[in-house]
């Protein structure tokens, strides 16, 4: 999953996307919205394969933890 997330990060201007969302989302949970948007921007075939494996023992809370950690490690400025 990390490679998929990194590919999306490298192919997009995430700070600009964050700024555009901020004007539309306001002070809601912008970090969570960005994390999940980043996940859903990954290759759908690979993402679904990953979900099938992960959801056998985990739930969205665990997935969000993975997303938060990867974004933190990449210093993207939104967690």
Protein backbone atom coordinates (compact mmCIF):
# COMPACT_ATOMS: atom_id res chain seq x y z
CA UNK A 1 0.00 0.00 0.00
CA UNK A 2 2.84 2.40 0.75
CA UNK A 3 4.06 2.19 -2.85
CA UNK A 4 0.55 2.96 -4.13
CA UNK A 5 0.24 5.96 -1.82
CA UNK A 6 3.69 7.21 -2.79
CA UNK A 7 2.81 6.98 -6.50
CA UNK A 8 -0.26 9.16 -5.96
CA UNK A 9 1.77 11.61 -3.90
CA UNK A 10 4.44 11.87 -6.57
CA UNK A 11 1.93 12.37 -9.40
CA UNK A 12 -0.12 15.13 -7.75
CA UNK A 13 0.26 18.54 -6.16
CA UNK A 14 -1.10 17.57 -2.75
CA UNK A 15 -0.50 20.93 -1.04
CA UNK A 16 -2.58 22.64 -3.74
CA UNK A 17 -5.28 20.00 -3.36
CA UNK A 18 -5.25 20.52 0.41
CA UNK A 19 -5.69 24.27 -0.05
CA UNK A 20 -8.57 23.78 -2.50
CA UNK A 21 -10.30 21.40 -0.10
CA UNK A 22 -9.79 23.76 2.82
CA UNK A 23 -11.86 26.39 1.09
CA UNK A 24 -14.66 23.86 0.49
CA UNK A 25 -14.50 21.74 3.66
CA UNK A 26 -13.68 24.45 6.16
CA UNK A 27 -12.62 23.40 9.62
CA UNK A 28 -13.97 19.83 9.41
CA UNK A 29 -11.59 16.91 9.58
CA UNK A 30 -9.51 17.99 6.62
CA UNK A 31 -6.67 15.60 7.47
CA UNK A 32 -8.92 12.56 7.39
CA UNK A 33 -10.54 13.70 4.15
CA UNK A 34 -7.14 14.11 2.53
CA UNK A 35 -5.89 10.75 3.79
CA UNK A 36 -8.87 8.87 2.38
CA UNK A 37 -8.85 10.85 -0.88
CA UNK A 38 -5.22 9.86 -1.26
CA UNK A 39 -6.13 6.22 -0.69
CA UNK A 40 -8.98 6.31 -3.19
CA UNK A 41 -6.71 7.93 -5.79
CA UNK A 42 -4.55 4.79 -5.83
CA UNK A 43 -4.88 2.10 -8.48
CA UNK A 44 -8.29 0.55 -7.85
CA UNK A 45 -7.31 -3.03 -8.71
CA UNK A 46 -4.39 -3.00 -6.28
CA UNK A 47 -6.41 -1.14 -3.66
CA UNK A 48 -9.24 -3.67 -3.76
CA UNK A 49 -6.76 -6.53 -3.51
CA UNK A 50 -5.23 -4.86 -0.45
CA UNK A 51 -8.68 -4.21 1.09
CA UNK A 52 -9.68 -7.85 0.69
CA UNK A 53 -6.67 -8.94 2.69
CA UNK A 54 -6.75 -6.21 5.32
CA UNK A 55 -10.49 -6.33 6.09
CA UNK A 56 -10.18 -9.99 7.11
CA UNK A 57 -8.69 -8.79 10.41
CA UNK A 58 -8.98 -4.98 10.47
CA UNK A 59 -11.47 -2.16 9.98
CA UNK A 60 -11.47 1.46 8.79
CA UNK A 61 -9.86 2.61 12.04
CA UNK A 62 -6.83 0.45 11.32
CA UNK A 63 -6.68 1.60 7.70
CA UNK A 64 -6.81 5.23 8.84
CA UNK A 65 -3.89 4.56 11.18
CA UNK A 66 -1.84 3.23 8.26
CA UNK A 67 -2.75 6.27 6.18
CA UNK A 68 -1.91 8.67 9.00
CA UNK A 69 1.48 7.03 9.57
CA UNK A 70 2.45 7.06 5.89
CA UNK A 71 1.48 10.67 5.47
CA UNK A 72 3.38 11.60 8.62
CA UNK A 73 6.49 9.78 7.37
CA UNK A 74 6.27 11.62 4.05
CA UNK A 75 5.94 14.99 5.80
CA UNK A 76 2.94 15.97 3.72
CA UNK A 77 1.68 18.37 6.35
CA UNK A 78 -1.76 16.88 6.94
CA UNK A 79 -2.54 14.12 9.37
